[in-house]
mmCIF file of all heavy atoms, coordinates in Angstrom:
data_MODEL
# 
_entry.id   MODEL 
# 
loop_
_atom_site.group_PDB 
_atom_site.id 
_atom_site.type_symbol 
_atom_site.label_atom_id 
_atom_site.label_alt_id 
_atom_site.label_comp_id 
_atom_site.label_asym_id 
_atom_site.label_entity_id 
_atom_site.label_seq_id 
_atom_site.pdbx_PDB_ins_code 
_atom_site.Cartn_x 
_atom_site.Cartn_y 
_atom_site.Cartn_z 
_atom_site.occupancy 
_atom_site.B_iso_or_equiv 
_atom_site.pdbx_formal_charge 
_atom_site.auth_seq_id 
_atom_site.auth_comp_id 
_atom_site.auth_asym_id 
_atom_site.auth_atom_id 
_atom_site.pdbx_PDB_model_num 
ATOM 1   N N   . ILE A 1 1  ? 1.128  -37.412 -39.413 1.00 0.00 ? 1  ILE A N   1 
ATOM 2   C CA  . ILE A 1 1  ? 2.410  -36.756 -39.106 1.00 0.00 ? 1  ILE A CA  1 
ATOM 3   C C   . ILE A 1 1  ? 2.226  -35.246 -39.022 1.00 0.00 ? 1  ILE A C   1 
ATOM 4   O O   . ILE A 1 1  ? 2.812  -34.590 -38.168 1.00 0.00 ? 1  ILE A O   1 
ATOM 5   C CB  . ILE A 1 1  ? 3.516  -37.149 -40.114 1.00 0.00 ? 1  ILE A CB  1 
ATOM 6   C CG1 . ILE A 1 1  ? 4.868  -36.614 -39.640 1.00 0.00 ? 1  ILE A CG1 1 
ATOM 7   C CG2 . ILE A 1 1  ? 3.218  -36.655 -41.502 1.00 0.00 ? 1  ILE A CG2 1 
ATOM 8   C CD1 . ILE A 1 1  ? 6.042  -37.105 -40.451 1.00 0.00 ? 1  ILE A CD1 1 
ATOM 9   N N   . CYS A 1 2  ? 1.393  -34.684 -39.887 1.00 0.00 ? 2  CYS A N   1 
ATOM 10  C CA  . CYS A 1 2  ? 1.141  -33.237 -39.841 1.00 0.00 ? 2  CYS A CA  1 
ATOM 11  C C   . CYS A 1 2  ? 0.468  -32.839 -38.537 1.00 0.00 ? 2  CYS A C   1 
ATOM 12  O O   . CYS A 1 2  ? 0.834  -31.833 -37.918 1.00 0.00 ? 2  CYS A O   1 
ATOM 13  C CB  . CYS A 1 2  ? 0.296  -32.805 -41.034 1.00 0.00 ? 2  CYS A CB  1 
ATOM 14  S SG  . CYS A 1 2  ? 1.181  -32.918 -42.588 1.00 0.00 ? 2  CYS A SG  1 
ATOM 15  N N   . GLN A 1 3  ? -0.499 -33.625 -38.102 1.00 0.00 ? 3  GLN A N   1 
ATOM 16  C CA  . GLN A 1 3  ? -1.168 -33.321 -36.840 1.00 0.00 ? 3  GLN A CA  1 
ATOM 17  C C   . GLN A 1 3  ? -0.184 -33.379 -35.680 1.00 0.00 ? 3  GLN A C   1 
ATOM 18  O O   . GLN A 1 3  ? -0.196 -32.514 -34.813 1.00 0.00 ? 3  GLN A O   1 
ATOM 19  C CB  . GLN A 1 3  ? -2.319 -34.295 -36.597 1.00 0.00 ? 3  GLN A CB  1 
ATOM 20  C CG  . GLN A 1 3  ? -3.518 -34.047 -37.475 1.00 0.00 ? 3  GLN A CG  1 
ATOM 21  C CD  . GLN A 1 3  ? -4.587 -35.115 -37.317 1.00 0.00 ? 3  GLN A CD  1 
ATOM 22  O OE1 . GLN A 1 3  ? -4.295 -36.282 -37.060 1.00 0.00 ? 3  GLN A OE1 1 
ATOM 23  N NE2 . GLN A 1 3  ? -5.829 -34.712 -37.485 1.00 0.00 ? 3  GLN A NE2 1 
ATOM 24  N N   . LEU A 1 4  ? 0.677  -34.396 -35.676 1.00 0.00 ? 4  LEU A N   1 
ATOM 25  C CA  . LEU A 1 4  ? 1.656  -34.513 -34.590 1.00 0.00 ? 4  LEU A CA  1 
ATOM 26  C C   . LEU A 1 4  ? 2.628  -33.337 -34.583 1.00 0.00 ? 4  LEU A C   1 
ATOM 27  O O   . LEU A 1 4  ? 2.943  -32.793 -33.529 1.00 0.00 ? 4  LEU A O   1 
ATOM 28  C CB  . LEU A 1 4  ? 2.433  -35.830 -34.703 1.00 0.00 ? 4  LEU A CB  1 
ATOM 29  C CG  . LEU A 1 4  ? 1.656  -37.090 -34.343 1.00 0.00 ? 4  LEU A CG  1 
ATOM 30  C CD1 . LEU A 1 4  ? 2.454  -38.336 -34.702 1.00 0.00 ? 4  LEU A CD1 1 
ATOM 31  C CD2 . LEU A 1 4  ? 1.306  -37.103 -32.860 1.00 0.00 ? 4  LEU A CD2 1 
ATOM 32  N N   . LEU A 1 5  ? 3.091  -32.929 -35.755 1.00 0.00 ? 5  LEU A N   1 
ATOM 33  C CA  . LEU A 1 5  ? 4.039  -31.816 -35.822 1.00 0.00 ? 5  LEU A CA  1 
ATOM 34  C C   . LEU A 1 5  ? 3.371  -30.491 -35.478 1.00 0.00 ? 5  LEU A C   1 
ATOM 35  O O   . LEU A 1 5  ? 3.964  -29.645 -34.807 1.00 0.00 ? 5  LEU A O   1 
ATOM 36  C CB  . LEU A 1 5  ? 4.674  -31.736 -37.213 1.00 0.00 ? 5  LEU A CB  1 
ATOM 37  C CG  . LEU A 1 5  ? 5.647  -32.861 -37.560 1.00 0.00 ? 5  LEU A CG  1 
ATOM 38  C CD1 . LEU A 1 5  ? 6.101  -32.753 -39.005 1.00 0.00 ? 5  LEU A CD1 1 
ATOM 39  C CD2 . LEU A 1 5  ? 6.849  -32.864 -36.627 1.00 0.00 ? 5  LEU A CD2 1 
ATOM 40  N N   . MET A 1 6  ? 2.140  -30.317 -35.921 1.00 0.00 ? 6  MET A N   1 
ATOM 41  C CA  . MET A 1 6  ? 1.461  -29.037 -35.690 1.00 0.00 ? 6  MET A CA  1 
ATOM 42  C C   . MET A 1 6  ? 0.964  -28.885 -34.258 1.00 0.00 ? 6  MET A C   1 
ATOM 43  O O   . MET A 1 6  ? 0.879  -27.777 -33.753 1.00 0.00 ? 6  MET A O   1 
ATOM 44  C CB  . MET A 1 6  ? 0.300  -28.873 -36.659 1.00 0.00 ? 6  MET A CB  1 
ATOM 45  C CG  . MET A 1 6  ? 0.749  -28.607 -38.063 1.00 0.00 ? 6  MET A CG  1 
ATOM 46  S SD  . MET A 1 6  ? -0.688 -28.392 -39.125 1.00 0.00 ? 6  MET A SD  1 
ATOM 47  C CE  . MET A 1 6  ? 0.076  -27.701 -40.569 1.00 0.00 ? 6  MET A CE  1 
ATOM 48  N N   . THR A 1 7  ? 0.611  -29.988 -33.625 1.00 0.00 ? 7  THR A N   1 
ATOM 49  C CA  . THR A 1 7  ? 0.095  -29.887 -32.263 1.00 0.00 ? 7  THR A CA  1 
ATOM 50  C C   . THR A 1 7  ? 1.201  -29.953 -31.218 1.00 0.00 ? 7  THR A C   1 
ATOM 51  O O   . THR A 1 7  ? 0.966  -29.652 -30.062 1.00 0.00 ? 7  THR A O   1 
ATOM 52  C CB  . THR A 1 7  ? -0.943 -30.987 -31.968 1.00 0.00 ? 7  THR A CB  1 
ATOM 53  O OG1 . THR A 1 7  ? -0.343 -32.259 -32.188 1.00 0.00 ? 7  THR A OG1 1 
ATOM 54  C CG2 . THR A 1 7  ? -2.167 -30.825 -32.841 1.00 0.00 ? 7  THR A CG2 1 
ATOM 55  N N   . SER A 1 8  ? 2.388  -30.329 -31.635 1.00 0.00 ? 8  SER A N   1 
ATOM 56  C CA  . SER A 1 8  ? 3.512  -30.378 -30.700 1.00 0.00 ? 8  SER A CA  1 
ATOM 57  C C   . SER A 1 8  ? 3.959  -28.963 -30.380 1.00 0.00 ? 8  SER A C   1 
ATOM 58  O O   . SER A 1 8  ? 3.999  -28.095 -31.248 1.00 0.00 ? 8  SER A O   1 
ATOM 59  C CB  . SER A 1 8  ? 4.666  -31.161 -31.327 1.00 0.00 ? 8  SER A CB  1 
ATOM 60  O OG  . SER A 1 8  ? 5.816  -31.015 -30.542 1.00 0.00 ? 8  SER A OG  1 
ATOM 61  N N   . ASP A 1 9  ? 4.318  -28.746 -29.124 1.00 0.00 ? 9  ASP A N   1 
ATOM 62  C CA  . ASP A 1 9  ? 4.815  -27.423 -28.751 1.00 0.00 ? 9  ASP A CA  1 
ATOM 63  C C   . ASP A 1 9  ? 6.339  -27.389 -28.746 1.00 0.00 ? 9  ASP A C   1 
ATOM 64  O O   . ASP A 1 9  ? 6.948  -26.484 -28.213 1.00 0.00 ? 9  ASP A O   1 
ATOM 65  C CB  . ASP A 1 9  ? 4.255  -26.996 -27.395 1.00 0.00 ? 9  ASP A CB  1 
ATOM 66  C CG  . ASP A 1 9  ? 4.652  -27.955 -26.283 1.00 0.00 ? 9  ASP A CG  1 
ATOM 67  O OD1 . ASP A 1 9  ? 5.233  -29.019 -26.575 1.00 0.00 ? 9  ASP A OD1 1 
ATOM 68  O OD2 . ASP A 1 9  ? 4.380  -27.637 -25.110 1.00 0.00 ? 9  ASP A OD2 1 
ATOM 69  N N   . VAL A 1 10 ? 6.953  -28.394 -29.359 1.00 0.00 ? 10 VAL A N   1 
ATOM 70  C CA  . VAL A 1 10 ? 8.409  -28.505 -29.376 1.00 0.00 ? 10 VAL A CA  1 
ATOM 71  C C   . VAL A 1 10 ? 9.048  -27.421 -30.233 1.00 0.00 ? 10 VAL A C   1 
ATOM 72  O O   . VAL A 1 10 ? 10.045 -26.830 -29.863 1.00 0.00 ? 10 VAL A O   1 
ATOM 73  C CB  . VAL A 1 10 ? 8.843  -29.899 -29.876 1.00 0.00 ? 10 VAL A CB  1 
ATOM 74  C CG1 . VAL A 1 10 ? 10.348 -29.990 -30.026 1.00 0.00 ? 10 VAL A CG1 1 
ATOM 75  C CG2 . VAL A 1 10 ? 8.330  -30.973 -28.941 1.00 0.00 ? 10 VAL A CG2 1 
ATOM 76  N N   . ASP A 1 11 ? 8.463  -27.149 -31.385 1.00 0.00 ? 11 ASP A N   1 
ATOM 77  C CA  . ASP A 1 11 ? 9.036  -26.167 -32.295 1.00 0.00 ? 11 ASP A CA  1 
ATOM 78  C C   . ASP A 1 11 ? 8.025  -25.074 -32.593 1.00 0.00 ? 11 ASP A C   1 
ATOM 79  O O   . ASP A 1 11 ? 7.202  -25.206 -33.499 1.00 0.00 ? 11 ASP A O   1 
ATOM 80  C CB  . ASP A 1 11 ? 9.487  -26.831 -33.594 1.00 0.00 ? 11 ASP A CB  1 
ATOM 81  C CG  . ASP A 1 11 ? 10.216 -25.878 -34.519 1.00 0.00 ? 11 ASP A CG  1 
ATOM 82  O OD1 . ASP A 1 11 ? 10.394 -24.698 -34.157 1.00 0.00 ? 11 ASP A OD1 1 
ATOM 83  O OD2 . ASP A 1 11 ? 10.611 -26.303 -35.609 1.00 0.00 ? 11 ASP A OD2 1 
ATOM 84  N N   . PRO A 1 12 ? 8.071  -23.973 -31.849 1.00 0.00 ? 12 PRO A N   1 
ATOM 85  C CA  . PRO A 1 12 ? 7.116  -22.896 -32.089 1.00 0.00 ? 12 PRO A CA  1 
ATOM 86  C C   . PRO A 1 12 ? 7.314  -22.226 -33.456 1.00 0.00 ? 12 PRO A C   1 
ATOM 87  O O   . PRO A 1 12 ? 6.449  -21.496 -33.910 1.00 0.00 ? 12 PRO A O   1 
ATOM 88  C CB  . PRO A 1 12 ? 7.386  -21.906 -30.951 1.00 0.00 ? 12 PRO A CB  1 
ATOM 89  C CG  . PRO A 1 12 ? 8.731  -22.257 -30.420 1.00 0.00 ? 12 PRO A CG  1 
ATOM 90  C CD  . PRO A 1 12 ? 8.969  -23.704 -30.740 1.00 0.00 ? 12 PRO A CD  1 
ATOM 91  N N   . GLU A 1 13 ? 8.421  -22.513 -34.121 1.00 0.00 ? 13 GLU A N   1 
ATOM 92  C CA  . GLU A 1 13 ? 8.684  -21.942 -35.441 1.00 0.00 ? 13 GLU A CA  1 
ATOM 93  C C   . GLU A 1 13 ? 8.110  -22.787 -36.576 1.00 0.00 ? 13 GLU A C   1 
ATOM 94  O O   . GLU A 1 13 ? 8.180  -22.389 -37.737 1.00 0.00 ? 13 GLU A O   1 
ATOM 95  C CB  . GLU A 1 13 ? 10.194 -21.767 -35.649 1.00 0.00 ? 13 GLU A CB  1 
ATOM 96  C CG  . GLU A 1 13 ? 10.809 -20.711 -34.751 1.00 0.00 ? 13 GLU A CG  1 
ATOM 97  C CD  . GLU A 1 13 ? 10.199 -19.339 -34.967 1.00 0.00 ? 13 GLU A CD  1 
ATOM 98  O OE1 . GLU A 1 13 ? 10.050 -18.927 -36.130 1.00 0.00 ? 13 GLU A OE1 1 
ATOM 99  O OE2 . GLU A 1 13 ? 9.848  -18.688 -33.968 1.00 0.00 ? 13 GLU A OE2 1 
ATOM 100 N N   . PHE A 1 14 ? 7.545  -23.957 -36.269 1.00 0.00 ? 14 PHE A N   1 
ATOM 101 C CA  . PHE A 1 14 ? 7.041  -24.818 -37.338 1.00 0.00 ? 14 PHE A CA  1 
ATOM 102 C C   . PHE A 1 14 ? 5.988  -24.131 -38.209 1.00 0.00 ? 14 PHE A C   1 
ATOM 103 O O   . PHE A 1 14 ? 6.051  -24.239 -39.433 1.00 0.00 ? 14 PHE A O   1 
ATOM 104 C CB  . PHE A 1 14 ? 6.505  -26.148 -36.800 1.00 0.00 ? 14 PHE A CB  1 
ATOM 105 C CG  . PHE A 1 14 ? 6.047  -27.059 -37.900 1.00 0.00 ? 14 PHE A CG  1 
ATOM 106 C CD1 . PHE A 1 14 ? 6.965  -27.682 -38.728 1.00 0.00 ? 14 PHE A CD1 1 
ATOM 107 C CD2 . PHE A 1 14 ? 4.698  -27.269 -38.138 1.00 0.00 ? 14 PHE A CD2 1 
ATOM 108 C CE1 . PHE A 1 14 ? 6.557  -28.504 -39.766 1.00 0.00 ? 14 PHE A CE1 1 
ATOM 109 C CE2 . PHE A 1 14 ? 4.281  -28.086 -39.171 1.00 0.00 ? 14 PHE A CE2 1 
ATOM 110 C CZ  . PHE A 1 14 ? 5.217  -28.716 -39.984 1.00 0.00 ? 14 PHE A CZ  1 
ATOM 111 N N   . PRO A 1 15 ? 5.023  -23.403 -37.630 1.00 0.00 ? 15 PRO A N   1 
ATOM 112 C CA  . PRO A 1 15 ? 4.059  -22.707 -38.497 1.00 0.00 ? 15 PRO A CA  1 
ATOM 113 C C   . PRO A 1 15 ? 4.742  -21.770 -39.497 1.00 0.00 ? 15 PRO A C   1 
ATOM 114 O O   . PRO A 1 15 ? 4.379  -21.733 -40.671 1.00 0.00 ? 15 PRO A O   1 
ATOM 115 C CB  . PRO A 1 15 ? 3.191  -21.918 -37.515 1.00 0.00 ? 15 PRO A CB  1 
ATOM 116 C CG  . PRO A 1 15 ? 3.312  -22.644 -36.231 1.00 0.00 ? 15 PRO A CG  1 
ATOM 117 C CD  . PRO A 1 15 ? 4.694  -23.236 -36.215 1.00 0.00 ? 15 PRO A CD  1 
ATOM 118 N N   . THR A 1 16 ? 5.762  -21.052 -39.032 1.00 0.00 ? 16 THR A N   1 
ATOM 119 C CA  . THR A 1 16 ? 6.489  -20.148 -39.923 1.00 0.00 ? 16 THR A CA  1 
ATOM 120 C C   . THR A 1 16 ? 7.219  -20.935 -41.003 1.00 0.00 ? 16 THR A C   1 
ATOM 121 O O   . THR A 1 16 ? 7.207  -20.561 -42.179 1.00 0.00 ? 16 THR A O   1 
ATOM 122 C CB  . THR A 1 16 ? 7.500  -19.297 -39.119 1.00 0.00 ? 16 THR A CB  1 
ATOM 123 O OG1 . THR A 1 16 ? 6.776  -18.587 -38.110 1.00 0.00 ? 16 THR A OG1 1 
ATOM 124 C CG2 . THR A 1 16 ? 8.245  -18.329 -40.003 1.00 0.00 ? 16 THR A CG2 1 
ATOM 125 N N   . LYS A 1 17 ? 7.847  -22.038 -40.609 1.00 0.00 ? 17 LYS A N   1 
ATOM 126 C CA  . LYS A 1 17 ? 8.552  -22.875 -41.587 1.00 0.00 ? 17 LYS A CA  1 
ATOM 127 C C   . LYS A 1 17 ? 7.591  -23.414 -42.640 1.00 0.00 ? 17 LYS A C   1 
ATOM 128 O O   . LYS A 1 17 ? 7.905  -23.421 -43.825 1.00 0.00 ? 17 LYS A O   1 
ATOM 129 C CB  . LYS A 1 17 ? 9.249  -24.042 -40.891 1.00 0.00 ? 17 LYS A CB  1 
ATOM 130 C CG  . LYS A 1 17 ? 10.403 -23.649 -40.012 1.00 0.00 ? 17 LYS A CG  1 
ATOM 131 C CD  . LYS A 1 17 ? 10.947 -24.855 -39.284 1.00 0.00 ? 17 LYS A CD  1 
ATOM 132 C CE  . LYS A 1 17 ? 12.016 -24.486 -38.284 1.00 0.00 ? 17 LYS A CE  1 
ATOM 133 N NZ  . LYS A 1 17 ? 12.478 -25.665 -37.523 1.00 0.00 ? 17 LYS A NZ  1 
ATOM 134 N N   . LEU A 1 18 ? 6.427  -23.858 -42.212 1.00 0.00 ? 18 LEU A N   1 
ATOM 135 C CA  . LEU A 1 18 ? 5.448  -24.409 -43.147 1.00 0.00 ? 18 LEU A CA  1 
ATOM 136 C C   . LEU A 1 18 ? 4.906  -23.326 -44.071 1.00 0.00 ? 18 LEU A C   1 
ATOM 137 O O   . LEU A 1 18 ? 4.842  -23.513 -45.284 1.00 0.00 ? 18 LEU A O   1 
ATOM 138 C CB  . LEU A 1 18 ? 4.288  -25.064 -42.387 1.00 0.00 ? 18 LEU A CB  1 
ATOM 139 C CG  . LEU A 1 18 ? 3.144  -25.598 -43.250 1.00 0.00 ? 18 LEU A CG  1 
ATOM 140 C CD1 . LEU A 1 18 ? 3.624  -26.740 -44.142 1.00 0.00 ? 18 LEU A CD1 1 
ATOM 141 C CD2 . LEU A 1 18 ? 1.993  -26.052 -42.388 1.00 0.00 ? 18 LEU A CD2 1 
ATOM 142 N N   . MET A 1 19 ? 4.541  -22.197 -43.505 1.00 0.00 ? 19 MET A N   1 
ATOM 143 C CA  . MET A 1 19 ? 3.898  -21.152 -44.297 1.00 0.00 ? 19 MET A CA  1 
ATOM 144 C C   . MET A 1 19 ? 4.888  -20.331 -45.128 1.00 0.00 ? 19 MET A C   1 
ATOM 145 O O   . MET A 1 19 ? 4.481  -19.514 -45.934 1.00 0.00 ? 19 MET A O   1 
ATOM 146 C CB  . MET A 1 19 ? 3.082  -20.229 -43.389 1.00 0.00 ? 19 MET A CB  1 
ATOM 147 C CG  . MET A 1 19 ? 1.970  -20.950 -42.627 1.00 0.00 ? 19 MET A CG  1 
ATOM 148 S SD  . MET A 1 19 ? 0.885  -21.960 -43.652 1.00 0.00 ? 19 MET A SD  1 
ATOM 149 C CE  . MET A 1 19 ? -0.012 -20.685 -44.507 1.00 0.00 ? 19 MET A CE  1 
ATOM 150 N N   . SER A 1 20 ? 6.184  -20.561 -44.941 1.00 0.00 ? 20 SER A N   1 
ATOM 151 C CA  . SER A 1 20 ? 7.163  -19.816 -45.737 1.00 0.00 ? 20 SER A CA  1 
ATOM 152 C C   . SER A 1 20 ? 7.556  -20.550 -47.014 1.00 0.00 ? 20 SER A C   1 
ATOM 153 O O   . SER A 1 20 ? 8.514  -20.166 -47.679 1.00 0.00 ? 20 SER A O   1 
ATOM 154 C CB  . SER A 1 20 ? 8.412  -19.513 -44.904 1.00 0.00 ? 20 SER A CB  1 
ATOM 155 O OG  . SER A 1 20 ? 9.100  -20.712 -44.604 1.00 0.00 ? 20 SER A OG  1 
ATOM 156 N N   . ARG A 1 21 ? 6.796  -21.564 -47.388 1.00 0.00 ? 21 ARG A N   1 
ATOM 157 C CA  . ARG A 1 21 ? 7.066  -22.246 -48.660 1.00 0.00 ? 21 ARG A CA  1 
ATOM 158 C C   . ARG A 1 21 ? 6.929  -21.227 -49.783 1.00 0.00 ? 21 ARG A C   1 
ATOM 159 O O   . ARG A 1 21 ? 6.084  -20.327 -49.728 1.00 0.00 ? 21 ARG A O   1 
ATOM 160 C CB  . ARG A 1 21 ? 6.106  -23.404 -48.911 1.00 0.00 ? 21 ARG A CB  1 
ATOM 161 C CG  . ARG A 1 21 ? 5.945  -24.502 -47.893 1.00 0.00 ? 21 ARG A CG  1 
ATOM 162 C CD  . ARG A 1 21 ? 7.005  -24.914 -46.952 1.00 0.00 ? 21 ARG A CD  1 
ATOM 163 N NE  . ARG A 1 21 ? 8.374  -25.109 -47.309 1.00 0.00 ? 21 ARG A NE  1 
ATOM 164 C CZ  . ARG A 1 21 ? 9.372  -24.896 -46.444 1.00 0.00 ? 21 ARG A CZ  1 
ATOM 165 N NH1 . ARG A 1 21 ? 9.129  -24.476 -45.237 1.00 0.00 ? 21 ARG A NH1 1 
ATOM 166 N NH2 . ARG A 1 21 ? 10.610 -25.107 -46.802 1.00 0.00 ? 21 ARG A NH2 1 
ATOM 167 N N   . THR A 1 22 ? 7.731  -21.353 -50.795 1.00 0.00 ? 22 THR A N   1 
ATOM 168 C CA  . THR A 1 22 ? 7.806  -20.379 -51.883 1.00 0.00 ? 22 THR A CA  1 
ATOM 169 C C   . THR A 1 22 ? 6.457  -20.114 -52.536 1.00 0.00 ? 22 THR A C   1 
ATOM 170 O O   . THR A 1 22 ? 6.104  -18.962 -52.806 1.00 0.00 ? 22 THR A O   1 
ATOM 171 C CB  . THR A 1 22 ? 8.810  -20.860 -52.946 1.00 0.00 ? 22 THR A CB  1 
ATOM 172 O OG1 . THR A 1 22 ? 10.061 -21.095 -52.299 1.00 0.00 ? 22 THR A OG1 1 
ATOM 173 C CG2 . THR A 1 22 ? 8.987  -19.841 -54.041 1.00 0.00 ? 22 THR A CG2 1 
ATOM 174 N N   . SER A 1 23 ? 5.672  -21.141 -52.786 1.00 0.00 ? 23 SER A N   1 
ATOM 175 C CA  . SER A 1 23 ? 4.380  -20.955 -53.455 1.00 0.00 ? 23 SER A CA  1 
ATOM 176 C C   . SER A 1 23 ? 3.421  -20.114 -52.616 1.00 0.00 ? 23 SER A C   1 
ATOM 177 O O   . SER A 1 23 ? 2.676  -19.303 -53.147 1.00 0.00 ? 23 SER A O   1 
ATOM 178 C CB  . SER A 1 23 ? 3.737  -22.308 -53.753 1.00 0.00 ? 23 SER A CB  1 
ATOM 179 O OG  . SER A 1 23 ? 4.533  -23.025 -54.653 1.00 0.00 ? 23 SER A OG  1 
ATOM 180 N N   . ILE A 1 24 ? 3.445  -20.323 -51.325 1.00 0.00 ? 24 ILE A N   1 
ATOM 181 C CA  . ILE A 1 24 ? 2.575  -19.547 -50.442 1.00 0.00 ? 24 ILE A CA  1 
ATOM 182 C C   . ILE A 1 24 ? 3.052  -18.095 -50.414 1.00 0.00 ? 24 ILE A C   1 
ATOM 183 O O   . ILE A 1 24 ? 2.253  -17.160 -50.531 1.00 0.00 ? 24 ILE A O   1 
ATOM 184 C CB  . ILE A 1 24 ? 2.556  -20.151 -49.024 1.00 0.00 ? 24 ILE A CB  1 
ATOM 185 C CG1 . ILE A 1 24 ? 1.931  -21.542 -49.064 1.00 0.00 ? 24 ILE A CG1 1 
ATOM 186 C CG2 . ILE A 1 24 ? 1.814  -19.240 -48.052 1.00 0.00 ? 24 ILE A CG2 1 
ATOM 187 C CD1 . ILE A 1 24 ? 2.051  -22.305 -47.780 1.00 0.00 ? 24 ILE A CD1 1 
ATOM 188 N N   . GLN A 1 25 ? 4.352  -17.908 -50.281 1.00 0.00 ? 25 GLN A N   1 
ATOM 189 C CA  . GLN A 1 25 ? 4.910  -16.565 -50.231 1.00 0.00 ? 25 GLN A CA  1 
ATOM 190 C C   . GLN A 1 25 ? 4.625  -15.787 -51.515 1.00 0.00 ? 25 GLN A C   1 
ATOM 191 O O   . GLN A 1 25 ? 4.280  -14.608 -51.463 1.00 0.00 ? 25 GLN A O   1 
ATOM 192 C CB  . GLN A 1 25 ? 6.419  -16.625 -49.992 1.00 0.00 ? 25 GLN A CB  1 
ATOM 193 C CG  . GLN A 1 25 ? 6.785  -17.069 -48.600 1.00 0.00 ? 25 GLN A CG  1 
ATOM 194 C CD  . GLN A 1 25 ? 6.324  -16.106 -47.533 1.00 0.00 ? 25 GLN A CD  1 
ATOM 195 O OE1 . GLN A 1 25 ? 6.390  -14.894 -47.679 1.00 0.00 ? 25 GLN A OE1 1 
ATOM 196 N NE2 . GLN A 1 25 ? 5.819  -16.645 -46.446 1.00 0.00 ? 25 GLN A NE2 1 
ATOM 197 N N   . SER A 1 26 ? 4.751  -16.450 -52.660 1.00 0.00 ? 26 SER A N   1 
ATOM 198 C CA  . SER A 1 26 ? 4.529  -15.728 -53.920 1.00 0.00 ? 26 SER A CA  1 
ATOM 199 C C   . SER A 1 26 ? 3.073  -15.302 -54.074 1.00 0.00 ? 26 SER A C   1 
ATOM 200 O O   . SER A 1 26 ? 2.783  -14.227 -54.606 1.00 0.00 ? 26 SER A O   1 
ATOM 201 C CB  . SER A 1 26 ? 4.985  -16.558 -55.123 1.00 0.00 ? 26 SER A CB  1 
ATOM 202 O OG  . SER A 1 26 ? 4.233  -17.741 -55.219 1.00 0.00 ? 26 SER A OG  1 
ATOM 203 N N   . THR A 1 27 ? 2.147  -16.119 -53.591 1.00 0.00 ? 27 THR A N   1 
ATOM 204 C CA  . THR A 1 27 ? 0.733  -15.746 -53.637 1.00 0.00 ? 27 THR A CA  1 
ATOM 205 C C   . THR A 1 27 ? 0.481  -14.517 -52.772 1.00 0.00 ? 27 THR A C   1 
ATOM 206 O O   . THR A 1 27 ? -0.213 -13.580 -53.178 1.00 0.00 ? 27 THR A O   1 
ATOM 207 C CB  . THR A 1 27 ? -0.152 -16.918 -53.152 1.00 0.00 ? 27 THR A CB  1 
ATOM 208 O OG1 . THR A 1 27 ? 0.106  -18.055 -53.964 1.00 0.00 ? 27 THR A OG1 1 
ATOM 209 C CG2 . THR A 1 27 ? -1.623 -16.571 -53.200 1.00 0.00 ? 27 THR A CG2 1 
ATOM 210 N N   . ILE A 1 28 ? 1.066  -14.494 -51.588 1.00 0.00 ? 28 ILE A N   1 
ATOM 211 C CA  . ILE A 1 28 ? 0.894  -13.354 -50.693 1.00 0.00 ? 28 ILE A CA  1 
ATOM 212 C C   . ILE A 1 28 ? 1.619  -12.127 -51.238 1.00 0.00 ? 28 ILE A C   1 
ATOM 213 O O   . ILE A 1 28 ? 1.087  -11.016 -51.212 1.00 0.00 ? 28 ILE A O   1 
ATOM 214 C CB  . ILE A 1 28 ? 1.366  -13.705 -49.270 1.00 0.00 ? 28 ILE A CB  1 
ATOM 215 C CG1 . ILE A 1 28 ? 0.393  -14.713 -48.657 1.00 0.00 ? 28 ILE A CG1 1 
ATOM 216 C CG2 . ILE A 1 28 ? 1.473  -12.464 -48.394 1.00 0.00 ? 28 ILE A CG2 1 
ATOM 217 C CD1 . ILE A 1 28 ? 0.783  -15.224 -47.313 1.00 0.00 ? 28 ILE A CD1 1 
ATOM 218 N N   . ASP A 1 29 ? 2.828  -12.314 -51.772 1.00 0.00 ? 29 ASP A N   1 
ATOM 219 C CA  . ASP A 1 29 ? 3.585  -11.182 -52.332 1.00 0.00 ? 29 ASP A CA  1 
ATOM 220 C C   . ASP A 1 29 ? 2.796  -10.466 -53.414 1.00 0.00 ? 29 ASP A C   1 
ATOM 221 O O   . ASP A 1 29 ? 2.782  -9.240  -53.472 1.00 0.00 ? 29 ASP A O   1 
ATOM 222 C CB  . ASP A 1 29 ? 4.924  -11.659 -52.915 1.00 0.00 ? 29 ASP A CB  1 
ATOM 223 C CG  . ASP A 1 29 ? 5.926  -12.024 -51.841 1.00 0.00 ? 29 ASP A CG  1 
ATOM 224 O OD1 . ASP A 1 29 ? 5.716  -11.637 -50.676 1.00 0.00 ? 29 ASP A OD1 1 
ATOM 225 O OD2 . ASP A 1 29 ? 6.912  -12.713 -52.172 1.00 0.00 ? 29 ASP A OD2 1 
ATOM 226 N N   . GLU A 1 30 ? 2.159  -11.256 -54.248 1.00 0.00 ? 30 GLU A N   1 
ATOM 227 C CA  . GLU A 1 30 ? 1.375  -10.662 -55.336 1.00 0.00 ? 30 GLU A CA  1 
ATOM 228 C C   . GLU A 1 30 ? 0.241  -9.804  -54.777 1.00 0.00 ? 30 GLU A C   1 
ATOM 229 O O   . GLU A 1 30 ? -0.046 -8.728  -55.270 1.00 0.00 ? 30 GLU A O   1 
ATOM 230 C CB  . GLU A 1 30 ? 0.818  -11.779 -56.215 1.00 0.00 ? 30 GLU A CB  1 
ATOM 231 C CG  . GLU A 1 30 ? 0.184  -11.287 -57.484 1.00 0.00 ? 30 GLU A CG  1 
ATOM 232 C CD  . GLU A 1 30 ? -0.234 -12.446 -58.361 1.00 0.00 ? 30 GLU A CD  1 
ATOM 233 O OE1 . GLU A 1 30 ? 0.574  -13.348 -58.598 1.00 0.00 ? 30 GLU A OE1 1 
ATOM 234 O OE2 . GLU A 1 30 ? -1.397 -12.431 -58.808 1.00 0.00 ? 30 GLU A OE2 1 
# 
């Protein structure tokens, strides 16, 4: 399912949605 969602060009915002998870953001914020 991840491969299908990531390789689809339907939602160009999906990478942003995935990478904006709180845990990822807090690691980068630090």
